[in-house]
């Protein structure tokens, strides 16, 4: 994970497991990249993730792909 990425700035770290994006469950049918493609750069989205058996929440502001 890049140290200047939107995920890093939002507090996500290697090993975290994203469980939902804006209330939409991440799983077999829809993956993180598929869900993220439905949003535009600059939008802020709520991410629920699991770390050390705790479910946490953060807000991530999307940027353009480089």
PDB file of N, CA and C in Angstrom:
ATOM      1  N   UNK A   1       0.847  -1.172   0.000  1.00  0.00           N
ATOM      2  CA  UNK A   1       0.000   0.000   0.000  1.00  0.00           C
ATOM      3  C   UNK A   1       0.891   1.234   0.000  1.00  0.00           C
ATOM      4  N   UNK A   2       0.586   2.162  -0.877  1.00  0.00           N
ATOM      5  CA  UNK A   2       1.392   3.386  -0.954  1.00  0.00           C
ATOM      6  C   UNK A   2       1.063   4.319   0.205  1.00  0.00           C
ATOM      7  N   UNK A   3       2.081   4.972   0.722  1.00  0.00           N
ATOM      8  CA  UNK A   3       1.908   5.843   1.879  1.00  0.00           C
ATOM      9  C   UNK A   3       1.140   7.122   1.577  1.00  0.00           C
ATOM     10  N   UNK A   4       1.028   7.502   0.321  1.00  0.00           N
ATOM     11  CA  UNK A   4       0.289   8.716  -0.021  1.00  0.00           C
ATOM     12  C   UNK A   4      -1.040   8.397  -0.705  1.00  0.00           C
ATOM     13  N   UNK A   5      -1.466   7.143  -0.672  1.00  0.00           N
ATOM     14  CA  UNK A   5      -2.712   6.751  -1.331  1.00  0.00           C
ATOM     15  C   UNK A   5      -3.920   7.196  -0.513  1.00  0.00           C
ATOM     16  N   UNK A   6      -5.094   7.313  -1.150  1.00  0.00           N
ATOM     17  CA  UNK A   6      -6.312   7.643  -0.402  1.00  0.00           C
ATOM     18  C   UNK A   6      -6.599   6.632   0.713  1.00  0.00           C
ATOM     19  N   UNK A   7      -6.341   5.354   0.457  1.00  0.00           N
ATOM     20  CA  UNK A   7      -6.589   4.325   1.479  1.00  0.00           C
ATOM     21  C   UNK A   7      -5.698   4.557   2.691  1.00  0.00           C
ATOM     22  N   UNK A   8      -4.424   4.838   2.469  1.00  0.00           N
ATOM     23  CA  UNK A   8      -3.494   5.082   3.569  1.00  0.00           C
ATOM     24  C   UNK A   8      -3.914   6.327   4.349  1.00  0.00           C
ATOM     25  N   UNK A   9      -4.274   7.387   3.627  1.00  0.00           N
ATOM     26  CA  UNK A   9      -4.688   8.632   4.281  1.00  0.00           C
ATOM     27  C   UNK A   9      -5.950   8.430   5.114  1.00  0.00           C
ATOM     28  N   UNK A  10      -6.809   7.485   4.712  1.00  0.00           N
ATOM     29  CA  UNK A  10      -8.043   7.199   5.449  1.00  0.00           C
ATOM     30  C   UNK A  10      -7.802   6.272   6.635  1.00  0.00           C
ATOM     31  N   UNK A  11      -6.580   5.768   6.797  1.00  0.00           N
ATOM     32  CA  UNK A  11      -6.251   4.934   7.937  1.00  0.00           C
ATOM     33  C   UNK A  11      -6.227   3.447   7.659  1.00  0.00           C
ATOM     34  N   UNK A  12      -6.489   3.039   6.419  1.00  0.00           N
ATOM     35  CA  UNK A  12      -6.441   1.616   6.086  1.00  0.00           C
ATOM     36  C   UNK A  12      -4.984   1.158   6.032  1.00  0.00           C
ATOM     37  N   UNK A  13      -4.750  -0.061   6.504  1.00  0.00           N
ATOM     38  CA  UNK A  13      -3.399  -0.611   6.532  1.00  0.00           C
ATOM     39  C   UNK A  13      -3.382  -2.011   5.955  1.00  0.00           C
ATOM     40  N   UNK A  14      -2.207  -2.462   5.565  1.00  0.00           N
ATOM     41  CA  UNK A  14      -2.046  -3.801   5.017  1.00  0.00           C
ATOM     42  C   UNK A  14      -2.611  -4.817   6.012  1.00  0.00           C
ATOM     43  N   UNK A  15      -3.413  -5.736   5.516  1.00  0.00           N
ATOM     44  CA  UNK A  15      -4.038  -6.746   6.362  1.00  0.00           C
ATOM     45  C   UNK A  15      -5.473  -6.424   6.734  1.00  0.00           C
ATOM     46  N   UNK A  16      -5.886  -5.150   6.582  1.00  0.00           N
ATOM     47  CA  UNK A  16      -7.284  -4.797   6.832  1.00  0.00           C
ATOM     48  C   UNK A  16      -8.153  -5.470   5.779  1.00  0.00           C
ATOM     49  N   UNK A  17      -9.348  -5.853   6.177  1.00  0.00           N
ATOM     50  CA  UNK A  17     -10.287  -6.488   5.253  1.00  0.00           C
ATOM     51  C   UNK A  17     -11.499  -5.578   5.120  1.00  0.00           C
ATOM     52  N   UNK A  18     -11.728  -5.056   3.908  1.00  0.00           N
ATOM     53  CA  UNK A  18     -12.884  -4.195   3.665  1.00  0.00           C
ATOM     54  C   UNK A  18     -14.121  -5.073   3.597  1.00  0.00           C
ATOM     55  N   UNK A  19     -15.120  -4.738   4.433  1.00  0.00           N
ATOM     56  CA  UNK A  19     -16.343  -5.536   4.472  1.00  0.00           C
ATOM     57  C   UNK A  19     -17.518  -4.848   3.786  1.00  0.00           C
ATOM     58  N   UNK A  20     -17.496  -3.502   3.715  1.00  0.00           N
ATOM     59  CA  UNK A  20     -18.550  -2.805   2.982  1.00  0.00           C
ATOM     60  C   UNK A  20     -18.091  -1.425   2.555  1.00  0.00           C
ATOM     61  N   UNK A  21     -18.704  -0.951   1.478  1.00  0.00           N
ATOM     62  CA  UNK A  21     -18.449   0.383   0.947  1.00  0.00           C
ATOM     63  C   UNK A  21     -19.803   1.046   0.775  1.00  0.00           C
ATOM     64  N   UNK A  22     -20.020   2.157   1.487  1.00  0.00           N
ATOM     65  CA  UNK A  22     -21.297   2.858   1.445  1.00  0.00           C
ATOM     66  C   UNK A  22     -22.462   1.904   1.697  1.00  0.00           C
ATOM     67  N   UNK A  23     -22.263   0.976   2.617  1.00  0.00           N
ATOM     68  CA  UNK A  23     -23.316   0.044   2.989  1.00  0.00           C
ATOM     69  C   UNK A  23     -23.467  -1.158   2.077  1.00  0.00           C
ATOM     70  N   UNK A  24     -22.712  -1.204   0.993  1.00  0.00           N
ATOM     71  CA  UNK A  24     -22.771  -2.325   0.048  1.00  0.00           C
ATOM     72  C   UNK A  24     -21.722  -3.352   0.445  1.00  0.00           C
ATOM     73  N   UNK A  25     -22.177  -4.571   0.740  1.00  0.00           N
ATOM     74  CA  UNK A  25     -21.267  -5.626   1.192  1.00  0.00           C
ATOM     75  C   UNK A  25     -20.275  -6.009   0.101  1.00  0.00           C
ATOM     76  N   UNK A  26     -19.033  -6.182   0.508  1.00  0.00           N
ATOM     77  CA  UNK A  26     -17.985  -6.656  -0.384  1.00  0.00           C
ATOM     78  C   UNK A  26     -17.932  -8.168  -0.240  1.00  0.00           C
ATOM     79  N   UNK A  27     -17.891  -8.874  -1.349  1.00  0.00           N
ATOM     80  CA  UNK A  27     -17.855 -10.327  -1.270  1.00  0.00           C
ATOM     81  C   UNK A  27     -17.554 -10.949  -2.605  1.00  0.00           C
ATOM     82  N   UNK A  28     -18.095 -12.120  -2.814  1.00  0.00           N
ATOM     83  CA  UNK A  28     -17.841 -12.864  -4.046  1.00  0.00           C
ATOM     84  C   UNK A  28     -18.495 -12.198  -5.247  1.00  0.00           C
ATOM     85  N   UNK A  29     -19.721 -11.704  -5.073  1.00  0.00           N
ATOM     86  CA  UNK A  29     -20.439 -11.121  -6.217  1.00  0.00           C
ATOM     87  C   UNK A  29     -19.880  -9.764  -6.635  1.00  0.00           C
ATOM     88  N   UNK A  30     -19.527  -8.948  -5.665  1.00  0.00           N
ATOM     89  CA  UNK A  30     -18.971  -7.640  -5.978  1.00  0.00           C
ATOM     90  C   UNK A  30     -17.692  -7.428  -5.189  1.00  0.00           C
ATOM     91  N   UNK A  31     -16.639  -7.095  -5.895  1.00  0.00           N
ATOM     92  CA  UNK A  31     -15.341  -6.888  -5.272  1.00  0.00           C
ATOM     93  C   UNK A  31     -15.102  -5.399  -5.038  1.00  0.00           C
ATOM     94  N   UNK A  32     -14.091  -5.091  -4.249  1.00  0.00           N
ATOM     95  CA  UNK A  32     -13.763  -3.696  -3.963  1.00  0.00           C
ATOM     96  C   UNK A  32     -13.571  -2.893  -5.255  1.00  0.00           C
ATOM     97  N   UNK A  33     -12.737  -3.350  -6.208  1.00  0.00           N
ATOM     98  CA  UNK A  33     -12.557  -2.552  -7.427  1.00  0.00           C
ATOM     99  C   UNK A  33     -13.867  -2.345  -8.198  1.00  0.00           C
ATOM    100  N   UNK A  34     -14.707  -3.362  -8.266  1.00  0.00           N
ATOM    101  CA  UNK A  34     -15.983  -3.218  -8.982  1.00  0.00           C
ATOM    102  C   UNK A  34     -16.871  -2.172  -8.324  1.00  0.00           C
ATOM    103  N   UNK A  35     -16.934  -2.185  -7.013  1.00  0.00           N
ATOM    104  CA  UNK A  35     -17.761  -1.204  -6.301  1.00  0.00           C
ATOM    105  C   UNK A  35     -17.170   0.192  -6.461  1.00  0.00           C
ATOM    106  N   UNK A  36     -15.857   0.325  -6.334  1.00  0.00           N
ATOM    107  CA  UNK A  36     -15.226   1.644  -6.432  1.00  0.00           C
ATOM    108  C   UNK A  36     -15.418   2.275  -7.802  1.00  0.00           C
ATOM    109  N   UNK A  37     -15.522   1.462  -8.842  1.00  0.00           N
ATOM    110  CA  UNK A  37     -15.715   1.999 -10.191  1.00  0.00           C
ATOM    111  C   UNK A  37     -17.067   2.680 -10.369  1.00  0.00           C
ATOM    112  N   UNK A  38     -17.989   2.490  -9.436  1.00  0.00           N
ATOM    113  CA  UNK A  38     -19.302   3.138  -9.539  1.00  0.00           C
ATOM    114  C   UNK A  38     -19.285   4.555  -8.957  1.00  0.00           C
ATOM    115  N   UNK A  39     -18.157   4.980  -8.411  1.00  0.00           N
ATOM    116  CA  UNK A  39     -18.010   6.313  -7.825  1.00  0.00           C
ATOM    117  C   UNK A  39     -17.014   7.134  -8.640  1.00  0.00           C
ATOM    118  N   UNK A  40     -17.074   8.451  -8.462  1.00  0.00           N
ATOM    119  CA  UNK A  40     -16.219   9.376  -9.205  1.00  0.00           C
ATOM    120  C   UNK A  40     -15.070   9.876  -8.333  1.00  0.00           C
ATOM    121  N   UNK A  41     -13.930  10.210  -8.962  1.00  0.00           N
ATOM    122  CA  UNK A  41     -12.838  10.828  -8.208  1.00  0.00           C
ATOM    123  C   UNK A  41     -13.345  12.083  -7.492  1.00  0.00           C
ATOM    124  N   UNK A  42     -12.889  12.261  -6.264  1.00  0.00           N
ATOM    125  CA  UNK A  42     -13.301  13.409  -5.467  1.00  0.00           C
ATOM    126  C   UNK A  42     -14.434  13.086  -4.498  1.00  0.00           C
ATOM    127  N   UNK A  43     -15.172  11.999  -4.761  1.00  0.00           N
ATOM    128  CA  UNK A  43     -16.245  11.608  -3.856  1.00  0.00           C
ATOM    129  C   UNK A  43     -15.671  11.027  -2.574  1.00  0.00           C
ATOM    130  N   UNK A  44     -16.335  11.296  -1.464  1.00  0.00           N
ATOM    131  CA  UNK A  44     -15.975  10.693  -0.187  1.00  0.00           C
ATOM    132  C   UNK A  44     -16.945   9.554   0.080  1.00  0.00           C
ATOM    133  N   UNK A  45     -16.405   8.403   0.470  1.00  0.00           N
ATOM    134  CA  UNK A  45     -17.231   7.220   0.704  1.00  0.00           C
ATOM    135  C   UNK A  45     -16.888   6.609   2.058  1.00  0.00           C
ATOM    136  N   UNK A  46     -17.909   6.004   2.694  1.00  0.00           N
ATOM    137  CA  UNK A  46     -17.690   5.338   3.981  1.00  0.00           C
ATOM    138  C   UNK A  46     -17.261   3.902   3.736  1.00  0.00           C
ATOM    139  N   UNK A  47     -16.198   3.512   4.422  1.00  0.00           N
ATOM    140  CA  UNK A  47     -15.641   2.167   4.323  1.00  0.00           C
ATOM    141  C   UNK A  47     -15.731   1.507   5.699  1.00  0.00           C
ATOM    142  N   UNK A  48     -16.285   0.315   5.746  1.00  0.00           N
ATOM    143  CA  UNK A  48     -16.268  -0.500   6.954  1.00  0.00           C
ATOM    144  C   UNK A  48     -15.213  -1.575   6.713  1.00  0.00           C
ATOM    145  N   UNK A  49     -14.341  -1.776   7.687  1.00  0.00           N
ATOM    146  CA  UNK A  49     -13.268  -2.752   7.519  1.00  0.00           C
ATOM    147  C   UNK A  49     -12.992  -3.466   8.837  1.00  0.00           C
ATOM    148  N   UNK A  50     -12.361  -4.614   8.712  1.00  0.00           N
ATOM    149  CA  UNK A  50     -12.028  -5.402   9.894  1.00  0.00           C
ATOM    150  C   UNK A  50     -10.524  -5.379  10.112  1.00  0.00           C
ATOM    151  N   UNK A  51     -10.149  -5.134  11.374  1.00  0.00           N
ATOM    152  CA  UNK A  51      -8.738  -5.165  11.764  1.00  0.00           C
ATOM    153  C   UNK A  51      -8.679  -5.776  13.172  1.00  0.00           C
ATOM    154  N   UNK A  52      -7.884  -6.793  13.309  1.00  0.00           N
ATOM    155  CA  UNK A  52      -7.717  -7.447  14.614  1.00  0.00           C
ATOM    156  C   UNK A  52      -9.056  -7.813  15.251  1.00  0.00           C
ATOM    157  N   UNK A  53      -9.945  -8.385  14.447  1.00  0.00           N
ATOM    158  CA  UNK A  53     -11.260  -8.868  14.896  1.00  0.00           C
ATOM    159  C   UNK A  53     -12.197  -7.754  15.344  1.00  0.00           C
ATOM    160  N   UNK A  54     -11.876  -6.504  15.002  1.00  0.00           N
ATOM    161  CA  UNK A  54     -12.761  -5.374  15.276  1.00  0.00           C
ATOM    162  C   UNK A  54     -13.225  -4.786  13.955  1.00  0.00           C
ATOM    163  N   UNK A  55     -14.488  -4.382  13.888  1.00  0.00           N
ATOM    164  CA  UNK A  55     -14.994  -3.709  12.702  1.00  0.00           C
ATOM    165  C   UNK A  55     -14.906  -2.211  12.948  1.00  0.00           C
ATOM    166  N   UNK A  56     -14.230  -1.529  12.037  1.00  0.00           N
ATOM    167  CA  UNK A  56     -13.984  -0.093  12.141  1.00  0.00           C
ATOM    168  C   UNK A  56     -14.566   0.611  10.920  1.00  0.00           C
ATOM    169  N   UNK A  57     -14.712   1.921  11.024  1.00  0.00           N
ATOM    170  CA  UNK A  57     -15.249   2.711   9.916  1.00  0.00           C
ATOM    171  C   UNK A  57     -14.328   3.889   9.637  1.00  0.00           C
ATOM    172  N   UNK A  58     -14.210   4.226   8.363  1.00  0.00           N
ATOM    173  CA  UNK A  58     -13.445   5.396   7.966  1.00  0.00           C
ATOM    174  C   UNK A  58     -14.095   6.018   6.736  1.00  0.00           C
ATOM    175  N   UNK A  59     -13.718   7.229   6.425  1.00  0.00           N
ATOM    176  CA  UNK A  59     -14.168   7.896   5.201  1.00  0.00           C
ATOM    177  C   UNK A  59     -12.959   8.078   4.304  1.00  0.00           C
ATOM    178  N   UNK A  60     -13.131   7.703   3.057  1.00  0.00           N
ATOM    179  CA  UNK A  60     -12.049   7.749   2.072  1.00  0.00           C
ATOM    180  C   UNK A  60     -12.473   8.671   0.947  1.00  0.00           C
ATOM    181  N   UNK A  61     -11.597   9.571   0.522  1.00  0.00           N
ATOM    182  CA  UNK A  61     -11.866  10.434  -0.623  1.00  0.00           C
ATOM    183  C   UNK A  61     -11.135   9.858  -1.826  1.00  0.00           C
ATOM    184  N   UNK A  62     -11.903   9.516  -2.848  1.00  0.00           N
ATOM    185  CA  UNK A  62     -11.327   8.872  -4.036  1.00  0.00           C
ATOM    186  C   UNK A  62     -10.491   9.852  -4.850  1.00  0.00           C
ATOM    187  N   UNK A  63      -9.457   9.326  -5.472  1.00  0.00           N
ATOM    188  CA  UNK A  63      -8.642  10.128  -6.389  1.00  0.00           C
ATOM    189  C   UNK A  63      -8.643   9.441  -7.751  1.00  0.00           C
ATOM    190  N   UNK A  64      -8.094  10.114  -8.723  1.00  0.00           N
ATOM    191  CA  UNK A  64      -8.024   9.540 -10.063  1.00  0.00           C
ATOM    192  C   UNK A  64      -6.953   8.465 -10.104  1.00  0.00           C
ATOM    193  N   UNK A  65      -7.180   7.459 -10.945  1.00  0.00           N
ATOM    194  CA  UNK A  65      -6.176   6.405 -11.128  1.00  0.00           C
ATOM    195  C   UNK A  65      -4.973   6.989 -11.834  1.00  0.00           C
ATOM    196  N   UNK A  66      -3.804   6.545 -11.415  1.00  0.00           N
ATOM    197  CA  UNK A  66      -2.563   7.036 -12.049  1.00  0.00           C
ATOM    198  C   UNK A  66      -1.847   5.890 -12.677  1.00  0.00           C
TER     199      UNK A  66
END
